[in-house]
PDB file of N, CA and C in Angstrom:
ATOM      1  N   MET A   1       0.849  -1.180   0.000  1.00  0.00           N
ATOM      2  CA  MET A   1       0.000   0.000   0.000  1.00  0.00           C
ATOM      3  C   MET A   1       0.895   1.245   0.000  1.00  0.00           C
ATOM      4  N   THR A   2       0.542   2.204  -0.791  1.00  0.00           N
ATOM      5  CA  THR A   2       1.317   3.438  -0.901  1.00  0.00           C
ATOM      6  C   THR A   2       0.983   4.367   0.253  1.00  0.00           C
ATOM      7  N   ARG A   3       2.023   4.842   0.903  1.00  0.00           N
ATOM      8  CA  ARG A   3       1.833   5.778   2.009  1.00  0.00           C
ATOM      9  C   ARG A   3       1.620   7.179   1.466  1.00  0.00           C
ATOM     10  N   ARG A   4       0.959   8.005   2.256  1.00  0.00           N
ATOM     11  CA  ARG A   4       0.742   9.410   1.927  1.00  0.00           C
ATOM     12  C   ARG A   4       1.176  10.247   3.120  1.00  0.00           C
ATOM     13  N   MET A   5       1.749  11.397   2.821  1.00  0.00           N
ATOM     14  CA  MET A   5       2.080  12.328   3.902  1.00  0.00           C
ATOM     15  C   MET A   5       2.061  13.743   3.365  1.00  0.00           C
ATOM     16  N   SER A   6       1.868  14.662   4.269  1.00  0.00           N
ATOM     17  CA  SER A   6       1.836  16.073   3.879  1.00  0.00           C
ATOM     18  C   SER A   6       3.254  16.528   3.549  1.00  0.00           C
ATOM     19  N   SER A   7       3.356  17.601   2.801  1.00  0.00           N
ATOM     20  CA  SER A   7       4.680  18.135   2.471  1.00  0.00           C
ATOM     21  C   SER A   7       5.395  18.595   3.741  1.00  0.00           C
ATOM     22  N   ARG A   8       4.657  19.100   4.699  1.00  0.00           N
ATOM     23  CA  ARG A   8       5.264  19.530   5.972  1.00  0.00           C
ATOM     24  C   ARG A   8       5.859  18.325   6.701  1.00  0.00           C
ATOM     25  N   GLU A   9       5.092  17.239   6.755  1.00  0.00           N
ATOM     26  CA  GLU A   9       5.578  16.025   7.414  1.00  0.00           C
ATOM     27  C   GLU A   9       6.783  15.452   6.656  1.00  0.00           C
ATOM     28  N   ALA A  10       6.728  15.459   5.341  1.00  0.00           N
ATOM     29  CA  ALA A  10       7.843  14.949   4.532  1.00  0.00           C
ATOM     30  C   ALA A  10       9.101  15.775   4.775  1.00  0.00           C
ATOM     31  N   ARG A  11       8.951  17.074   4.843  1.00  0.00           N
ATOM     32  CA  ARG A  11      10.082  17.965   5.077  1.00  0.00           C
ATOM     33  C   ARG A  11      10.673  17.727   6.471  1.00  0.00           C
ATOM     34  N   SER A  12       9.811  17.579   7.462  1.00  0.00           N
ATOM     35  CA  SER A  12      10.270  17.383   8.841  1.00  0.00           C
ATOM     36  C   SER A  12      10.939  16.023   9.039  1.00  0.00           C
ATOM     37  N   ASN A  13      10.518  15.027   8.267  1.00  0.00           N
ATOM     38  CA  ASN A  13      11.012  13.659   8.439  1.00  0.00           C
ATOM     39  C   ASN A  13      11.690  13.132   7.185  1.00  0.00           C
ATOM     40  N   PHE A  14      12.363  14.007   6.452  1.00  0.00           N
ATOM     41  CA  PHE A  14      12.909  13.625   5.146  1.00  0.00           C
ATOM     42  C   PHE A  14      13.842  12.415   5.232  1.00  0.00           C
ATOM     43  N   GLY A  15      14.771  12.434   6.159  1.00  0.00           N
ATOM     44  CA  GLY A  15      15.718  11.328   6.290  1.00  0.00           C
ATOM     45  C   GLY A  15      15.019  10.004   6.545  1.00  0.00           C
ATOM     46  N   ALA A  16      14.094  10.011   7.478  1.00  0.00           N
ATOM     47  CA  ALA A  16      13.350   8.789   7.801  1.00  0.00           C
ATOM     48  C   ALA A  16      12.502   8.349   6.613  1.00  0.00           C
ATOM     49  N   MET A  17      11.926   9.308   5.908  1.00  0.00           N
ATOM     50  CA  MET A  17      11.080   8.974   4.768  1.00  0.00           C
ATOM     51  C   MET A  17      11.894   8.282   3.677  1.00  0.00           C
ATOM     52  N   ILE A  18      13.036   8.861   3.293  1.00  0.00           N
ATOM     53  CA  ILE A  18      13.794   8.242   2.200  1.00  0.00           C
ATOM     54  C   ILE A  18      14.412   6.911   2.634  1.00  0.00           C
ATOM     55  N   ARG A  19      14.748   6.780   3.905  1.00  0.00           N
ATOM     56  CA  ARG A  19      15.255   5.504   4.409  1.00  0.00           C
ATOM     57  C   ARG A  19      14.155   4.445   4.299  1.00  0.00           C
ATOM     58  N   SER A  20      12.943   4.800   4.687  1.00  0.00           N
ATOM     59  CA  SER A  20      11.811   3.883   4.604  1.00  0.00           C
ATOM     60  C   SER A  20      11.521   3.485   3.158  1.00  0.00           C
ATOM     61  N   VAL A  21      11.538   4.464   2.266  1.00  0.00           N
ATOM     62  CA  VAL A  21      11.294   4.187   0.841  1.00  0.00           C
ATOM     63  C   VAL A  21      12.350   3.220   0.319  1.00  0.00           C
ATOM     64  N   HIS A  22      13.591   3.456   0.688  1.00  0.00           N
ATOM     65  CA  HIS A  22      14.685   2.599   0.231  1.00  0.00           C
ATOM     66  C   HIS A  22      14.549   1.175   0.779  1.00  0.00           C
ATOM     67  N   LEU A  23      14.256   1.051   2.062  1.00  0.00           N
ATOM     68  CA  LEU A  23      14.217  -0.270   2.700  1.00  0.00           C
ATOM     69  C   LEU A  23      12.975  -1.081   2.329  1.00  0.00           C
ATOM     70  N   THR A  24      11.838  -0.410   2.192  1.00  0.00           N
ATOM     71  CA  THR A  24      10.576  -1.142   1.956  1.00  0.00           C
ATOM     72  C   THR A  24      10.175  -1.193   0.489  1.00  0.00           C
ATOM     73  N   ASN A  25      10.829  -0.387  -0.345  1.00  0.00           N
ATOM     74  CA  ASN A  25      10.428  -0.267  -1.757  1.00  0.00           C
ATOM     75  C   ASN A  25       8.981   0.203  -1.873  1.00  0.00           C
ATOM     76  N   GLU A  26       8.491   0.887  -0.862  1.00  0.00           N
ATOM     77  CA  GLU A  26       7.127   1.415  -0.861  1.00  0.00           C
ATOM     78  C   GLU A  26       7.189   2.913  -1.110  1.00  0.00           C
ATOM     79  N   PRO A  27       6.618   3.382  -2.237  1.00  0.00           N
ATOM     80  CA  PRO A  27       6.673   4.813  -2.512  1.00  0.00           C
ATOM     81  C   PRO A  27       5.826   5.620  -1.531  1.00  0.00           C
ATOM     82  N   VAL A  28       6.118   6.899  -1.461  1.00  0.00           N
ATOM     83  CA  VAL A  28       5.355   7.822  -0.621  1.00  0.00           C
ATOM     84  C   VAL A  28       4.821   8.934  -1.511  1.00  0.00           C
ATOM     85  N   ILE A  29       3.531   9.172  -1.419  1.00  0.00           N
ATOM     86  CA  ILE A  29       2.912  10.285  -2.133  1.00  0.00           C
ATOM     87  C   ILE A  29       2.917  11.472  -1.188  1.00  0.00           C
ATOM     88  N   VAL A  30       3.561  12.543  -1.616  1.00  0.00           N
ATOM     89  CA  VAL A  30       3.629  13.756  -0.803  1.00  0.00           C
ATOM     90  C   VAL A  30       2.497  14.671  -1.265  1.00  0.00           C
ATOM     91  N   GLU A  31       1.685  15.089  -0.321  1.00  0.00           N
ATOM     92  CA  GLU A  31       0.525  15.910  -0.638  1.00  0.00           C
ATOM     93  C   GLU A  31       0.725  17.341  -0.165  1.00  0.00           C
ATOM     94  N   ARG A  32       0.144  18.233  -0.916  1.00  0.00           N
ATOM     95  CA  ARG A  32       0.139  19.642  -0.535  1.00  0.00           C
ATOM     96  C   ARG A  32      -1.306  20.103  -0.569  1.00  0.00           C
ATOM     97  N   ASN A  33      -1.765  20.632   0.525  1.00  0.00           N
ATOM     98  CA  ASN A  33      -3.178  21.033   0.660  1.00  0.00           C
ATOM     99  C   ASN A  33      -4.109  19.871   0.338  1.00  0.00           C
ATOM    100  N   GLY A  34      -3.699  18.665   0.745  1.00  0.00           N
ATOM    101  CA  GLY A  34      -4.538  17.485   0.563  1.00  0.00           C
ATOM    102  C   GLY A  34      -4.538  16.899  -0.831  1.00  0.00           C
ATOM    103  N   LYS A  35      -3.731  17.457  -1.735  1.00  0.00           N
ATOM    104  CA  LYS A  35      -3.688  16.957  -3.115  1.00  0.00           C
ATOM    105  C   LYS A  35      -2.301  16.395  -3.421  1.00  0.00           C
ATOM    106  N   PRO A  36      -2.239  15.306  -4.205  1.00  0.00           N
ATOM    107  CA  PRO A  36      -0.933  14.737  -4.559  1.00  0.00           C
ATOM    108  C   PRO A  36      -0.053  15.785  -5.229  1.00  0.00           C
ATOM    109  N   TYR A  37       1.195  15.869  -4.769  1.00  0.00           N
ATOM    110  CA  TYR A  37       2.114  16.888  -5.259  1.00  0.00           C
ATOM    111  C   TYR A  37       3.373  16.262  -5.850  1.00  0.00           C
ATOM    112  N   ALA A  38       3.848  15.192  -5.230  1.00  0.00           N
ATOM    113  CA  ALA A  38       5.059  14.517  -5.688  1.00  0.00           C
ATOM    114  C   ALA A  38       5.033  13.083  -5.186  1.00  0.00           C
ATOM    115  N   VAL A  39       5.865  12.254  -5.804  1.00  0.00           N
ATOM    116  CA  VAL A  39       6.016  10.872  -5.360  1.00  0.00           C
ATOM    117  C   VAL A  39       7.492  10.625  -5.103  1.00  0.00           C
ATOM    118  N   VAL A  40       7.790  10.045  -3.963  1.00  0.00           N
ATOM    119  CA  VAL A  40       9.159   9.648  -3.647  1.00  0.00           C
ATOM    120  C   VAL A  40       9.198   8.130  -3.770  1.00  0.00           C
ATOM    121  N   MET A  41      10.111   7.642  -4.624  1.00  0.00           N
ATOM    122  CA  MET A  41      10.228   6.199  -4.820  1.00  0.00           C
ATOM    123  C   MET A  41      11.693   5.798  -4.793  1.00  0.00           C
ATOM    124  N   SER A  42      11.927   4.525  -4.575  1.00  0.00           N
ATOM    125  CA  SER A  42      13.300   4.038  -4.530  1.00  0.00           C
ATOM    126  C   SER A  42      13.910   4.098  -5.929  1.00  0.00           C
ATOM    127  N   SER A  43      15.225   4.096  -5.976  1.00  0.00           N
ATOM    128  CA  SER A  43      15.904   4.142  -7.269  1.00  0.00           C
ATOM    129  C   SER A  43      15.589   2.896  -8.091  1.00  0.00           C
ATOM    130  N   SER A  44      15.418   1.746  -7.458  1.00  0.00           N
ATOM    131  CA  SER A  44      15.076   0.531  -8.219  1.00  0.00           C
ATOM    132  C   SER A  44      13.673   0.640  -8.814  1.00  0.00           C
ATOM    133  N   GLN A  45      12.740   1.223  -8.060  1.00  0.00           N
ATOM    134  CA  GLN A  45      11.395   1.432  -8.606  1.00  0.00           C
ATOM    135  C   GLN A  45      11.433   2.412  -9.772  1.00  0.00           C
ATOM    136  N   TYR A  46      12.224   3.458  -9.632  1.00  0.00           N
ATOM    137  CA  TYR A  46      12.332   4.443 -10.705  1.00  0.00           C
ATOM    138  C   TYR A  46      12.909   3.805 -11.967  1.00  0.00           C
ATOM    139  N   GLU A  47      13.947   3.016 -11.818  1.00  0.00           N
ATOM    140  CA  GLU A  47      14.560   2.363 -12.983  1.00  0.00           C
ATOM    141  C   GLU A  47      13.572   1.425 -13.656  1.00  0.00           C
ATOM    142  N   GLN A  48      12.795   0.694 -12.867  1.00  0.00           N
ATOM    143  CA  GLN A  48      11.777  -0.190 -13.453  1.00  0.00           C
ATOM    144  C   GLN A  48      10.725   0.622 -14.192  1.00  0.00           C
ATOM    145  N   TRP A  49      10.280   1.717 -13.580  1.00  0.00           N
ATOM    146  CA  TRP A  49       9.297   2.590 -14.226  1.00  0.00           C
ATOM    147  C   TRP A  49       9.851   3.129 -15.547  1.00  0.00           C
ATOM    148  N   ARG A  50      11.133   3.556 -15.534  1.00  0.00           N
ATOM    149  CA  ARG A  50      11.764   4.101 -16.725  1.00  0.00           C
ATOM    150  C   ARG A  50      11.872   3.041 -17.822  1.00  0.00           C
ATOM    151  N   ARG A  51      12.275   1.816 -17.457  1.00  0.00           N
ATOM    152  CA  ARG A  51      12.367   0.729 -18.443  1.00  0.00           C
ATOM    153  C   ARG A  51      10.999   0.400 -19.026  1.00  0.00           C
ATOM    154  N   ASP A  52       9.973   0.325 -18.163  1.00  0.00           N
ATOM    155  CA  ASP A  52       8.609   0.035 -18.632  1.00  0.00           C
ATOM    156  C   ASP A  52       8.121   1.121 -19.586  1.00  0.00           C
ATOM    157  N   ARG A  53       8.400   2.353 -19.231  1.00  0.00           N
ATOM    158  CA  ARG A  53       7.986   3.485 -20.075  1.00  0.00           C
ATOM    159  C   ARG A  53       8.666   3.428 -21.440  1.00  0.00           C
ATOM    160  N   GLU A  54       9.952   3.137 -21.441  1.00  0.00           N
ATOM    161  CA  GLU A  54      10.691   3.040 -22.702  1.00  0.00           C
ATOM    162  C   GLU A  54      10.177   1.874 -23.543  1.00  0.00           C
ATOM    163  N   ALA A  55       9.894   0.743 -22.908  1.00  0.00           N
ATOM    164  CA  ALA A  55       9.368  -0.416 -23.634  1.00  0.00           C
ATOM    165  C   ALA A  55       8.016  -0.087 -24.274  1.00  0.00           C
ATOM    166  N   ARG A  56       7.158   0.628 -23.538  1.00  0.00           N
ATOM    167  CA  ARG A  56       5.851   1.031 -24.103  1.00  0.00           C
ATOM    168  C   ARG A  56       6.037   1.966 -25.288  1.00  0.00           C
ATOM    169  N   LEU A  57       7.017   2.866 -25.177  1.00  0.00           N
ATOM    170  CA  LEU A  57       7.291   3.780 -26.282  1.00  0.00           C
ATOM    171  C   LEU A  57       7.684   3.011 -27.536  1.00  0.00           C
ATOM    172  N   TRP A  58       8.631   2.084 -27.407  1.00  0.00           N
ATOM    173  CA  TRP A  58       9.083   1.332 -28.581  1.00  0.00           C
ATOM    174  C   TRP A  58       7.983   0.434 -29.128  1.00  0.00           C
ATOM    175  N   LYS A  59       7.133  -0.087 -28.268  1.00  0.00           N
ATOM    176  CA  LYS A  59       5.990  -0.885 -28.728  1.00  0.00           C
ATOM    177  C   LYS A  59       5.049  -0.013 -29.554  1.00  0.00           C
ATOM    178  N   THR A  60       4.824   1.207 -29.095  1.00  0.00           N
ATOM    179  CA  THR A  60       3.974   2.145 -29.827  1.00  0.00           C
ATOM    180  C   THR A  60       4.596   2.500 -31.172  1.00  0.00           C
ATOM    181  N   VAL A  61       5.907   2.750 -31.184  1.00  0.00           N
ATOM    182  CA  VAL A  61       6.597   3.070 -32.445  1.00  0.00           C
ATOM    183  C   VAL A  61       6.452   1.910 -33.426  1.00  0.00           C
ATOM    184  N   ALA A  62       6.656   0.693 -32.964  1.00  0.00           N
ATOM    185  CA  ALA A  62       6.533  -0.476 -33.842  1.00  0.00           C
ATOM    186  C   ALA A  62       5.110  -0.606 -34.380  1.00  0.00           C
ATOM    187  N   HIS A  63       4.135  -0.355 -33.531  1.00  0.00           N
ATOM    188  CA  HIS A  63       2.732  -0.432 -33.951  1.00  0.00           C
ATOM    189  C   HIS A  63       2.433   0.618 -35.038  1.00  0.00           C
ATOM    190  N   VAL A  64       2.907   1.830 -34.824  1.00  0.00           N
ATOM    191  CA  VAL A  64       2.675   2.895 -35.810  1.00  0.00           C
ATOM    192  C   VAL A  64       3.378   2.562 -37.126  1.00  0.00           C
ATOM    193  N   GLN A  65       4.602   2.061 -37.040  1.00  0.00           N
ATOM    194  CA  GLN A  65       5.325   1.681 -38.263  1.00  0.00           C
ATOM    195  C   GLN A  65       4.576   0.603 -39.024  1.00  0.00           C
ATOM    196  N   GLN A  66       4.086  -0.386 -38.306  1.00  0.00           N
ATOM    197  CA  GLN A  66       3.356  -1.481 -38.944  1.00  0.00           C
ATOM    198  C   GLN A  66       2.059  -0.961 -39.565  1.00  0.00           C
ATOM    199  N   ARG A  67       1.378  -0.108 -38.861  1.00  0.00           N
ATOM    200  CA  ARG A  67       0.096   0.421 -39.334  1.00  0.00           C
ATOM    201  C   ARG A  67       0.251   1.259 -40.603  1.00  0.00           C
ATOM    202  N   HIS A  68       1.395   1.907 -40.763  1.00  0.00           N
ATOM    203  CA  HIS A  68       1.601   2.804 -41.899  1.00  0.00           C
ATOM    204  C   HIS A  68       2.647   2.281 -42.886  1.00  0.00           C
ATOM    205  N   ALA A  69       2.897   0.982 -42.849  1.00  0.00           N
ATOM    206  CA  ALA A  69       3.950   0.397 -43.687  1.00  0.00           C
ATOM    207  C   ALA A  69       3.719   0.634 -45.178  1.00  0.00           C
ATOM    208  N   GLU A  70       2.490   0.718 -45.613  1.00  0.00           N
ATOM    209  CA  GLU A  70       2.178   0.864 -47.036  1.00  0.00           C
ATOM    210  C   GLU A  70       2.129   2.317 -47.506  1.00  0.00           C
ATOM    211  N   GLU A  71       2.245   3.248 -46.591  1.00  0.00           N
ATOM    212  CA  GLU A  71       2.113   4.653 -46.953  1.00  0.00           C
ATOM    213  C   GLU A  71       3.449   5.256 -47.388  1.00  0.00           C
ATOM    214  N   ASP A  72       3.357   6.318 -48.152  1.00  0.00           N
ATOM    215  CA  ASP A  72       4.539   7.035 -48.645  1.00  0.00           C
ATOM    216  C   ASP A  72       5.217   7.759 -47.473  1.00  0.00           C
ATOM    217  N   PRO A  73       6.503   7.476 -47.213  1.00  0.00           N
ATOM    218  CA  PRO A  73       7.199   8.123 -46.091  1.00  0.00           C
ATOM    219  C   PRO A  73       7.207   9.652 -46.173  1.00  0.00           C
ATOM    220  N   GLU A  74       7.298  10.200 -47.368  1.00  0.00           N
ATOM    221  CA  GLU A  74       7.295  11.661 -47.513  1.00  0.00           C
ATOM    222  C   GLU A  74       5.951  12.247 -47.084  1.00  0.00           C
ATOM    223  N   GLU A  75       4.870  11.566 -47.422  1.00  0.00           N
ATOM    224  CA  GLU A  75       3.539  12.041 -47.045  1.00  0.00           C
ATOM    225  C   GLU A  75       3.363  11.968 -45.519  1.00  0.00           C
ATOM    226  N   ILE A  76       3.847  10.905 -44.933  1.00  0.00           N
ATOM    227  CA  ILE A  76       3.784  10.767 -43.474  1.00  0.00           C
ATOM    228  C   ILE A  76       4.582  11.890 -42.822  1.00  0.00           C
ATOM    229  N   TYR A  77       5.774  12.171 -43.334  1.00  0.00           N
ATOM    230  CA  TYR A  77       6.618  13.229 -42.785  1.00  0.00           C
ATOM    231  C   TYR A  77       5.900  14.580 -42.867  1.00  0.00           C
ATOM    232  N   ARG A  78       5.277  14.865 -43.996  1.00  0.00           N
ATOM    233  CA  ARG A  78       4.539  16.128 -44.145  1.00  0.00           C
ATOM    234  C   ARG A  78       3.389  16.215 -43.148  1.00  0.00           C
ATOM    235  N   ALA A  79       2.645  15.122 -42.991  1.00  0.00           N
ATOM    236  CA  ALA A  79       1.508  15.120 -42.073  1.00  0.00           C
ATOM    237  C   ALA A  79       1.971  15.314 -40.625  1.00  0.00           C
ATOM    238  N   VAL A  80       3.034  14.624 -40.246  1.00  0.00           N
ATOM    239  CA  VAL A  80       3.547  14.745 -38.882  1.00  0.00           C
ATOM    240  C   VAL A  80       4.066  16.157 -38.639  1.00  0.00           C
ATOM    241  N   THR A  81       4.787  16.703 -39.597  1.00  0.00           N
ATOM    242  CA  THR A  81       5.320  18.062 -39.464  1.00  0.00           C
ATOM    243  C   THR A  81       4.194  19.068 -39.284  1.00  0.00           C
ATOM    244  N   GLU A  82       3.131  18.891 -40.030  1.00  0.00           N
ATOM    245  CA  GLU A  82       1.977  19.786 -39.920  1.00  0.00           C
ATOM    246  C   GLU A  82       1.366  19.733 -38.527  1.00  0.00           C
ATOM    247  N   VAL A  83       1.193  18.534 -37.990  1.00  0.00           N
ATOM    248  CA  VAL A  83       0.605  18.388 -36.663  1.00  0.00           C
ATOM    249  C   VAL A  83       1.534  18.974 -35.597  1.00  0.00           C
ATOM    250  N   VAL A  84       2.838  18.720 -35.725  1.00  0.00           N
ATOM    251  CA  VAL A  84       3.800  19.267 -34.763  1.00  0.00           C
ATOM    252  C   VAL A  84       3.736  20.793 -34.767  1.00  0.00           C
ATOM    253  N   GLU A  85       3.661  21.391 -35.933  1.00  0.00           N
ATOM    254  CA  GLU A  85       3.579  22.858 -36.022  1.00  0.00           C
ATOM    255  C   GLU A  85       2.293  23.376 -35.398  1.00  0.00           C
ATOM    256  N   GLU A  86       1.182  22.653 -35.584  1.00  0.00           N
ATOM    257  CA  GLU A  86      -0.075  23.062 -34.964  1.00  0.00           C
ATOM    258  C   GLU A  86       0.038  23.038 -33.433  1.00  0.00           C
ATOM    259  N   VAL A  87       0.642  21.984 -32.906  1.00  0.00           N
ATOM    260  CA  VAL A  87       0.808  21.869 -31.455  1.00  0.00           C
ATOM    261  C   VAL A  87       1.714  22.982 -30.944  1.00  0.00           C
ATOM    262  N   ARG A  88       2.802  23.246 -31.640  1.00  0.00           N
ATOM    263  CA  ARG A  88       3.705  24.327 -31.229  1.00  0.00           C
ATOM    264  C   ARG A  88       2.979  25.668 -31.211  1.00  0.00           C
ATOM    265  N   GLN A  89       2.174  25.912 -32.231  1.00  0.00           N
ATOM    266  CA  GLN A  89       1.437  27.167 -32.303  1.00  0.00           C
ATOM    267  C   GLN A  89       0.451  27.273 -31.148  1.00  0.00           C
ATOM    268  N   GLU A  90      -0.253  26.186 -30.842  1.00  0.00           N
ATOM    269  CA  GLU A  90      -1.197  26.197 -29.719  1.00  0.00           C
ATOM    270  C   GLU A  90      -0.479  26.474 -28.402  1.00  0.00           C
ATOM    271  N   ARG A  91       0.663  25.830 -28.192  1.00  0.00           N
ATOM    272  CA  ARG A  91       1.432  26.062 -26.963  1.00  0.00           C
ATOM    273  C   ARG A  91       1.916  27.502 -26.888  1.00  0.00           C
ATOM    274  N   TYR A  92       2.378  28.019 -28.003  1.00  0.00           N
ATOM    275  CA  TYR A  92       2.845  29.403 -28.037  1.00  0.00           C
ATOM    276  C   TYR A  92       1.697  30.347 -27.664  1.00  0.00           C
ATOM    277  N   GLU A  93       0.528  30.127 -28.271  1.00  0.00           N
ATOM    278  CA  GLU A  93      -0.622  30.984 -27.999  1.00  0.00           C
ATOM    279  C   GLU A  93      -1.066  30.882 -26.543  1.00  0.00           C
ATOM    280  N   ARG A  94      -1.038  29.669 -25.963  1.00  0.00           N
ATOM    281  CA  ARG A  94      -1.392  29.523 -24.547  1.00  0.00           C
ATOM    282  C   ARG A  94      -0.389  30.262 -23.671  1.00  0.00           C
ATOM    283  N   GLY A  95       0.885  30.176 -24.028  1.00  0.00           N
ATOM    284  CA  GLY A  95       1.919  30.881 -23.267  1.00  0.00           C
ATOM    285  C   GLY A  95       1.740  32.379 -23.337  1.00  0.00           C
ATOM    286  N   GLU A  96       1.429  32.885 -24.526  1.00  0.00           N
ATOM    287  CA  GLU A  96       1.201  34.323 -24.681  1.00  0.00           C
ATOM    288  C   GLU A  96      -0.026  34.769 -23.900  1.00  0.00           C
ATOM    289  N   ALA A  97      -1.080  33.948 -23.933  1.00  0.00           N
ATOM    290  CA  ALA A  97      -2.306  34.296 -23.191  1.00  0.00           C
ATOM    291  C   ALA A  97      -2.023  34.294 -21.687  1.00  0.00           C
ATOM    292  N   ALA A  98      -1.201  33.355 -21.227  1.00  0.00           N
ATOM    293  CA  ALA A  98      -0.858  33.300 -19.801  1.00  0.00           C
ATOM    294  C   ALA A  98      -0.047  34.527 -19.408  1.00  0.00           C
ATOM    295  N   LYS A  99       0.833  34.978 -20.274  1.00  0.00           N
ATOM    296  CA  LYS A  99       1.624  36.169 -19.988  1.00  0.00           C
ATOM    297  C   LYS A  99       0.736  37.410 -19.868  1.00  0.00           C
ATOM    298  N   ARG A 100      -0.261  37.497 -20.754  1.00  0.00           N
ATOM    299  CA  ARG A 100      -1.171  38.654 -20.711  1.00  0.00           C
ATOM    300  C   ARG A 100      -2.051  38.607 -19.474  1.00  0.00           C
ATOM    301  N   GLY A 101      -2.318  37.405 -18.960  1.00  0.00           N
ATOM    302  CA  GLY A 101      -3.186  37.249 -17.790  1.00  0.00           C
ATOM    303  C   GLY A 101      -2.511  37.566 -16.481  1.00  0.00           C
ATOM    304  N   ARG A 102      -1.229  37.759 -16.509  1.00  0.00           N
ATOM    305  CA  ARG A 102      -0.481  38.035 -15.255  1.00  0.00           C
ATOM    306  C   ARG A 102      -0.772  39.372 -14.696  1.00  0.00           C
TER     307      ARG A 102
END
């Protein structure tokens, strides 16, 4: 079971918290104002999470490659570039709107 503690408690007991995480391999969810704010996990848990994440990424890449094997690579490149530019523009506009809202 994953433990939860407030950020104040985590700060006050940091040494004990990281020792516990290391020894038990049980992560701790640090909450701020009652909401999850951060997770402290052992280095072995982090490495497993990182490996799993990378494996899922490569599985997704293989699936996309297989799904589009018959398509023209240049057309795929153009379509992907277009979508990337749209996302960049949206992020830029959100950033500008946030700056004006300050």
